[in-house]
């Protein structure tokens, strides 16, 4: 949870922890992780090769 922004998750470069953060809405992050765990986005997922 971002300080002062409970609806977003801050993502930072671990090599620069005091640098800028990308604030991702909690629902978007949750959907992203769900996609990874259900293989929709994970290894072996079908990619559009157009």
N, C-alpha and C. Protein backbone atom coordinates (compact mmCIF):
# COMPACT_ATOMS: atom_id res chain seq x y z
N UNK A 1 0.85 -1.16 0.00
CA UNK A 1 0.00 0.00 0.00
C UNK A 1 0.90 1.23 0.00
N UNK A 2 0.58 2.16 -0.87
CA UNK A 2 1.37 3.39 -0.94
C UNK A 2 1.02 4.29 0.23
N UNK A 3 2.03 4.94 0.77
CA UNK A 3 1.79 5.88 1.86
C UNK A 3 0.85 6.98 1.38
N UNK A 4 -0.27 7.12 2.04
CA UNK A 4 -1.21 8.16 1.68
C UNK A 4 -2.08 7.85 0.49
N UNK A 5 -1.83 6.74 -0.20
CA UNK A 5 -2.64 6.36 -1.36
C UNK A 5 -3.01 4.88 -1.19
N UNK A 6 -4.01 4.57 -0.37
CA UNK A 6 -4.32 3.17 -0.07
C UNK A 6 -4.88 2.39 -1.26
N UNK A 7 -5.22 3.07 -2.35
CA UNK A 7 -5.79 2.37 -3.51
C UNK A 7 -4.75 1.99 -4.55
N UNK A 8 -3.47 2.28 -4.29
CA UNK A 8 -2.41 2.01 -5.26
C UNK A 8 -1.23 1.31 -4.60
N UNK A 9 -0.52 0.52 -5.41
CA UNK A 9 0.68 -0.18 -4.96
C UNK A 9 1.88 0.48 -5.62
N UNK A 10 2.84 0.98 -4.83
CA UNK A 10 4.03 1.57 -5.43
C UNK A 10 5.03 0.49 -5.85
N UNK A 11 5.56 0.61 -7.05
CA UNK A 11 6.56 -0.33 -7.55
C UNK A 11 7.81 0.48 -7.85
N UNK A 12 8.93 0.08 -7.23
CA UNK A 12 10.20 0.80 -7.40
C UNK A 12 11.28 -0.15 -7.87
N UNK A 13 12.31 0.43 -8.43
CA UNK A 13 13.52 -0.31 -8.79
C UNK A 13 14.25 -0.64 -7.50
N UNK A 14 14.47 -1.90 -7.21
CA UNK A 14 15.10 -2.29 -5.96
C UNK A 14 16.53 -1.76 -5.84
N UNK A 15 17.16 -1.43 -6.97
CA UNK A 15 18.51 -0.87 -6.93
C UNK A 15 18.49 0.62 -6.62
N UNK A 16 17.31 1.24 -6.67
CA UNK A 16 17.16 2.67 -6.39
C UNK A 16 15.90 2.87 -5.55
N UNK A 17 15.90 2.40 -4.30
CA UNK A 17 14.69 2.42 -3.48
C UNK A 17 14.16 3.81 -3.14
N UNK A 18 14.97 4.83 -3.30
CA UNK A 18 14.47 6.18 -3.02
C UNK A 18 14.03 6.90 -4.29
N UNK A 19 14.13 6.23 -5.40
CA UNK A 19 13.74 6.83 -6.68
C UNK A 19 12.23 6.87 -6.85
N UNK A 20 11.82 7.29 -8.00
CA UNK A 20 10.40 7.40 -8.33
C UNK A 20 9.72 6.04 -8.28
N UNK A 21 8.44 6.06 -7.99
CA UNK A 21 7.66 4.82 -7.95
C UNK A 21 6.55 4.89 -8.98
N UNK A 22 6.27 3.76 -9.58
CA UNK A 22 5.13 3.62 -10.46
C UNK A 22 3.97 3.20 -9.59
N UNK A 23 2.90 3.99 -9.55
CA UNK A 23 1.74 3.69 -8.69
C UNK A 23 0.71 2.91 -9.51
N UNK A 24 0.53 1.65 -9.16
CA UNK A 24 -0.38 0.77 -9.89
C UNK A 24 -1.64 0.58 -9.05
N UNK A 25 -2.82 0.79 -9.65
CA UNK A 25 -4.06 0.56 -8.89
C UNK A 25 -4.11 -0.87 -8.35
N UNK A 26 -4.59 -1.02 -7.12
CA UNK A 26 -4.64 -2.35 -6.48
C UNK A 26 -5.37 -3.37 -7.33
N UNK A 27 -6.49 -3.00 -7.94
CA UNK A 27 -7.26 -3.95 -8.75
C UNK A 27 -6.47 -4.41 -9.96
N UNK A 28 -5.70 -3.51 -10.56
CA UNK A 28 -4.87 -3.86 -11.72
C UNK A 28 -3.77 -4.84 -11.32
N UNK A 29 -3.13 -4.58 -10.18
CA UNK A 29 -2.07 -5.47 -9.69
C UNK A 29 -2.65 -6.85 -9.37
N UNK A 30 -3.81 -6.88 -8.72
CA UNK A 30 -4.45 -8.14 -8.37
C UNK A 30 -4.77 -8.95 -9.63
N UNK A 31 -5.28 -8.28 -10.66
CA UNK A 31 -5.59 -8.97 -11.92
C UNK A 31 -4.32 -9.49 -12.60
N UNK A 32 -3.26 -8.71 -12.55
CA UNK A 32 -1.99 -9.12 -13.12
C UNK A 32 -1.46 -10.38 -12.43
N UNK A 33 -1.46 -10.38 -11.11
CA UNK A 33 -0.98 -11.55 -10.36
C UNK A 33 -1.89 -12.76 -10.61
N UNK A 34 -3.19 -12.53 -10.66
CA UNK A 34 -4.11 -13.63 -10.95
C UNK A 34 -3.82 -14.22 -12.32
N UNK A 35 -3.53 -13.37 -13.28
CA UNK A 35 -3.19 -13.86 -14.62
C UNK A 35 -1.93 -14.70 -14.61
N UNK A 36 -0.95 -14.30 -13.83
CA UNK A 36 0.29 -15.08 -13.74
C UNK A 36 0.04 -16.44 -13.09
N UNK A 37 -0.76 -16.44 -12.04
CA UNK A 37 -0.97 -17.69 -11.31
C UNK A 37 -1.90 -18.65 -12.03
N UNK A 38 -2.70 -18.15 -12.97
CA UNK A 38 -3.59 -19.03 -13.73
C UNK A 38 -3.02 -19.34 -15.11
N UNK A 39 -1.77 -18.94 -15.35
CA UNK A 39 -1.06 -19.18 -16.61
C UNK A 39 -1.60 -18.37 -17.78
N UNK A 40 -2.51 -17.43 -17.54
CA UNK A 40 -2.97 -16.58 -18.63
C UNK A 40 -1.83 -15.70 -19.14
N UNK A 41 -0.92 -15.35 -18.27
CA UNK A 41 0.24 -14.54 -18.64
C UNK A 41 1.55 -15.23 -18.33
N UNK A 42 1.48 -16.36 -17.69
CA UNK A 42 2.69 -17.03 -17.22
C UNK A 42 3.38 -17.86 -18.29
N UNK A 43 4.36 -18.65 -17.88
CA UNK A 43 5.11 -19.50 -18.80
C UNK A 43 4.18 -20.42 -19.59
N UNK A 44 4.44 -20.52 -20.86
CA UNK A 44 3.65 -21.39 -21.71
C UNK A 44 2.36 -20.78 -22.22
N UNK A 45 2.08 -19.53 -21.84
CA UNK A 45 0.86 -18.87 -22.31
C UNK A 45 1.00 -18.60 -23.81
N UNK A 46 -0.11 -18.67 -24.50
CA UNK A 46 -0.11 -18.44 -25.93
C UNK A 46 0.10 -16.95 -26.20
N UNK A 47 0.97 -16.64 -27.10
CA UNK A 47 1.27 -15.27 -27.47
C UNK A 47 0.76 -15.01 -28.88
N UNK A 48 0.23 -13.81 -29.10
CA UNK A 48 -0.20 -13.41 -30.44
C UNK A 48 1.06 -13.10 -31.24
N UNK A 49 1.25 -13.78 -32.35
CA UNK A 49 2.48 -13.61 -33.13
C UNK A 49 2.24 -12.84 -34.42
N UNK A 50 1.19 -12.07 -34.47
CA UNK A 50 0.91 -11.30 -35.69
C UNK A 50 2.00 -10.33 -36.00
